[in-house]
Amino acid sequence: VQLVESGGGLVQPGGSLRLSCAASGFTFSSYDMRWYRQTPGKEREWVAGIESGGSSYYVGGVKGRFTISRDNAKNTLYLQMNNLKLDDTAVYYCNARLVQTNYWGQGTRVTVSS
């Protein structure tokens, strides 16, 4: 099983990034997928999720700025991040879950700085 995040980087406030998470080794389409993020000294926080059926949901602070999506044909999860803020700086992790099964990627770093 692998979850490989990509697309992180350095961006100015107000800018955009698109994160990707390439999945392999499990039936991607059957899993609920989530993005989390973590900053030093803080617990990992849930950011956005998309169910296997396609319903999506967001933490309040990113609603309207971030969009989660999935392409089951490509086994890939996305997070489009617009109007980025300094507080969005974090390592972003992809998560796949089904009942009690939980898979994590290694993370991709997003730095929002002027």
C-alpha atoms as a PDB file:
ATOM      1  CA  VAL A   1       0.000   0.000   0.000  1.00  0.00           C
ATOM      2  CA  GLN A   2       1.275   3.429  -0.915  1.00  0.00           C
ATOM      3  CA  LEU A   3      -0.011   6.969  -0.662  1.00  0.00           C
ATOM      4  CA  VAL A   4       2.350   9.477  -2.253  1.00  0.00           C
ATOM      5  CA  GLU A   5       1.627  13.174  -1.876  1.00  0.00           C
ATOM      6  CA  SER A   6       3.004  15.813  -4.200  1.00  0.00           C
ATOM      7  CA  GLY A   7       2.431  19.414  -5.183  1.00  0.00           C
ATOM      8  CA  GLY A   8       3.588  21.204  -2.086  1.00  0.00           C
ATOM      9  CA  GLY A   9       5.913  24.159  -2.187  1.00  0.00           C
ATOM     10  CA  LEU A  10       6.424  27.807  -1.381  1.00  0.00           C
ATOM     11  CA  VAL A  11       3.652  30.229  -2.291  1.00  0.00           C
ATOM     12  CA  GLN A  12       2.812  33.814  -1.435  1.00  0.00           C
ATOM     13  CA  PRO A  13      -0.310  34.707   0.530  1.00  0.00           C
ATOM     14  CA  GLY A  14      -3.283  34.738  -1.787  1.00  0.00           C
ATOM     15  CA  GLY A  15      -1.691  32.190  -4.084  1.00  0.00           C
ATOM     16  CA  SER A  16      -2.810  28.704  -5.047  1.00  0.00           C
ATOM     17  CA  LEU A  17      -1.467  25.178  -4.964  1.00  0.00           C
ATOM     18  CA  ARG A  18      -2.866  21.835  -6.003  1.00  0.00           C
ATOM     19  CA  LEU A  19      -1.868  18.828  -3.956  1.00  0.00           C
ATOM     20  CA  SER A  20      -2.094  15.300  -5.307  1.00  0.00           C
ATOM     21  CA  CYS A  21      -2.069  11.953  -3.574  1.00  0.00           C
ATOM     22  CA  ALA A  22      -1.366   8.915  -5.741  1.00  0.00           C
ATOM     23  CA  ALA A  23      -2.700   5.701  -4.230  1.00  0.00           C
ATOM     24  CA  SER A  24      -1.726   2.127  -4.952  1.00  0.00           C
ATOM     25  CA  GLY A  25      -2.051  -1.292  -3.413  1.00  0.00           C
ATOM     26  CA  PHE A  26      -5.677  -1.070  -2.344  1.00  0.00           C
ATOM     27  CA  THR A  27      -9.112  -0.476  -3.866  1.00  0.00           C
ATOM     28  CA  PHE A  28      -8.992   3.312  -3.894  1.00  0.00           C
ATOM     29  CA  SER A  29     -12.593   3.801  -4.984  1.00  0.00           C
ATOM     30  CA  SER A  30     -13.904   1.982  -1.903  1.00  0.00           C
ATOM     31  CA  TYR A  31     -12.127   4.168   0.605  1.00  0.00           C
ATOM     32  CA  ASP A  32     -13.072   7.456   2.176  1.00  0.00           C
ATOM     33  CA  MET A  33     -10.200   9.873   1.661  1.00  0.00           C
ATOM     34  CA  ARG A  34      -9.045  12.795   3.746  1.00  0.00           C
ATOM     35  CA  TRP A  35      -6.432  15.499   3.853  1.00  0.00           C
ATOM     36  CA  TYR A  36      -4.835  16.399   7.161  1.00  0.00           C
ATOM     37  CA  ARG A  37      -2.162  18.923   8.031  1.00  0.00           C
ATOM     38  CA  GLN A  38       0.308  19.365  10.834  1.00  0.00           C
ATOM     39  CA  THR A  39       2.556  22.134  12.064  1.00  0.00           C
ATOM     40  CA  PRO A  40       5.412  21.710  14.551  1.00  0.00           C
ATOM     41  CA  GLY A  41       4.208  21.328  18.116  1.00  0.00           C
ATOM     42  CA  LYS A  42       0.589  20.797  17.125  1.00  0.00           C
ATOM     43  CA  GLU A  43      -1.549  17.749  16.595  1.00  0.00           C
ATOM     44  CA  ARG A  44      -2.426  16.670  13.108  1.00  0.00           C
ATOM     45  CA  GLU A  45      -5.666  18.343  12.102  1.00  0.00           C
ATOM     46  CA  TRP A  46      -8.263  17.205   9.634  1.00  0.00           C
ATOM     47  CA  VAL A  47      -8.756  19.608   6.727  1.00  0.00           C
ATOM     48  CA  ALA A  48     -11.072  18.031   4.163  1.00  0.00           C
ATOM     49  CA  GLY A  49     -12.649  14.712   3.335  1.00  0.00           C
ATOM     50  CA  ILE A  50     -14.397  12.996   0.470  1.00  0.00           C
ATOM     51  CA  GLU A  51     -16.402   9.823   0.813  1.00  0.00           C
ATOM     52  CA  SER A  52     -16.230   6.905  -1.561  1.00  0.00           C
ATOM     53  CA  GLY A  53     -19.571   8.053  -2.915  1.00  0.00           C
ATOM     54  CA  GLY A  54     -18.243  11.541  -3.615  1.00  0.00           C
ATOM     55  CA  SER A  55     -19.693  13.635  -0.785  1.00  0.00           C
ATOM     56  CA  SER A  56     -17.160  16.143   0.488  1.00  0.00           C
ATOM     57  CA  TYR A  57     -16.776  18.167   3.654  1.00  0.00           C
ATOM     58  CA  TYR A  58     -14.343  20.707   5.074  1.00  0.00           C
ATOM     59  CA  VAL A  59     -13.118  22.188   8.292  1.00  0.00           C
ATOM     60  CA  GLY A  60     -14.535  25.667   8.706  1.00  0.00           C
ATOM     61  CA  GLY A  61     -11.316  27.575   8.171  1.00  0.00           C
ATOM     62  CA  VAL A  62     -10.779  26.289   4.631  1.00  0.00           C
ATOM     63  CA  LYS A  63     -14.356  26.155   3.419  1.00  0.00           C
ATOM     64  CA  GLY A  64     -14.699  28.202   0.263  1.00  0.00           C
ATOM     65  CA  ARG A  65     -10.946  28.244  -0.339  1.00  0.00           C
ATOM     66  CA  PHE A  66     -10.052  24.537  -0.610  1.00  0.00           C
ATOM     67  CA  THR A  67     -11.644  21.922  -2.834  1.00  0.00           C
ATOM     68  CA  ILE A  68     -11.125  18.198  -2.389  1.00  0.00           C
ATOM     69  CA  SER A  69     -11.711  15.858  -5.295  1.00  0.00           C
ATOM     70  CA  ARG A  70     -10.864  12.360  -6.409  1.00  0.00           C
ATOM     71  CA  ASP A  71     -10.293  10.576  -9.684  1.00  0.00           C
ATOM     72  CA  ASN A  72     -11.024   6.914  -9.108  1.00  0.00           C
ATOM     73  CA  ALA A  73      -9.836   6.014 -12.601  1.00  0.00           C
ATOM     74  CA  LYS A  74      -6.418   7.415 -11.745  1.00  0.00           C
ATOM     75  CA  ASN A  75      -6.437   6.355  -8.080  1.00  0.00           C
ATOM     76  CA  THR A  76      -5.628   9.926  -7.153  1.00  0.00           C
ATOM     77  CA  LEU A  77      -6.870  12.364  -4.547  1.00  0.00           C
ATOM     78  CA  TYR A  78      -6.534  16.124  -4.986  1.00  0.00           C
ATOM     79  CA  LEU A  79      -6.701  19.229  -2.871  1.00  0.00           C
ATOM     80  CA  GLN A  80      -7.024  22.520  -4.712  1.00  0.00           C
ATOM     81  CA  MET A  81      -6.009  25.297  -2.350  1.00  0.00           C
ATOM     82  CA  ASN A  82      -6.828  28.892  -3.290  1.00  0.00           C
ATOM     83  CA  ASN A  83      -6.350  32.188  -1.482  1.00  0.00           C
ATOM     84  CA  LEU A  84      -3.734  30.630   0.735  1.00  0.00           C
ATOM     85  CA  LYS A  85      -3.008  32.234   4.081  1.00  0.00           C
ATOM     86  CA  LEU A  86       0.020  32.222   6.337  1.00  0.00           C
ATOM     87  CA  ASP A  87      -1.821  29.884   8.706  1.00  0.00           C
ATOM     88  CA  ASP A  88      -2.131  27.279   5.958  1.00  0.00           C
ATOM     89  CA  THR A  89       1.587  26.589   6.274  1.00  0.00           C
ATOM     90  CA  ALA A  90       1.946  22.938   7.280  1.00  0.00           C
ATOM     91  CA  VAL A  91       2.840  19.477   6.131  1.00  0.00           C
ATOM     92  CA  TYR A  92      -0.197  18.045   4.379  1.00  0.00           C
ATOM     93  CA  TYR A  93      -0.978  14.347   4.634  1.00  0.00           C
ATOM     94  CA  CYS A  94      -3.245  12.110   2.628  1.00  0.00           C
ATOM     95  CA  ASN A  95      -5.307   9.524   4.509  1.00  0.00           C
ATOM     96  CA  ALA A  96      -7.357   6.580   3.311  1.00  0.00           C
ATOM     97  CA  ARG A  97      -9.788   4.841   5.615  1.00  0.00           C
ATOM     98  CA  LEU A  98     -12.265   2.022   5.455  1.00  0.00           C
ATOM     99  CA  VAL A  99     -13.845   0.802   8.691  1.00  0.00           C
ATOM    100  CA  GLN A 100     -10.798   0.171  10.897  1.00  0.00           C
ATOM    101  CA  THR A 101      -8.195   0.297   8.126  1.00  0.00           C
ATOM    102  CA  ASN A 102      -6.148   3.482   7.947  1.00  0.00           C
ATOM    103  CA  TYR A 103      -3.374   4.352   5.509  1.00  0.00           C
ATOM    104  CA  TRP A 104      -1.174   7.460   5.582  1.00  0.00           C
ATOM    105  CA  GLY A 105       1.157   9.119   3.157  1.00  0.00           C
ATOM    106  CA  GLN A 106       4.484  10.701   4.053  1.00  0.00           C
ATOM    107  CA  GLY A 107       3.279  14.252   3.569  1.00  0.00           C
ATOM    108  CA  THR A 108       4.073  17.218   1.375  1.00  0.00           C
ATOM    109  CA  ARG A 109       5.156  20.571   2.768  1.00  0.00           C
ATOM    110  CA  VAL A 110       3.246  23.747   2.027  1.00  0.00           C
ATOM    111  CA  THR A 111       4.808  27.049   3.001  1.00  0.00           C
ATOM    112  CA  VAL A 112       2.866  30.271   2.636  1.00  0.00           C
ATOM    113  CA  SER A 113       5.166  33.224   2.991  1.00  0.00           C
ATOM    114  CA  SER A 114       5.731  36.654   1.547  1.00  0.00           C
END
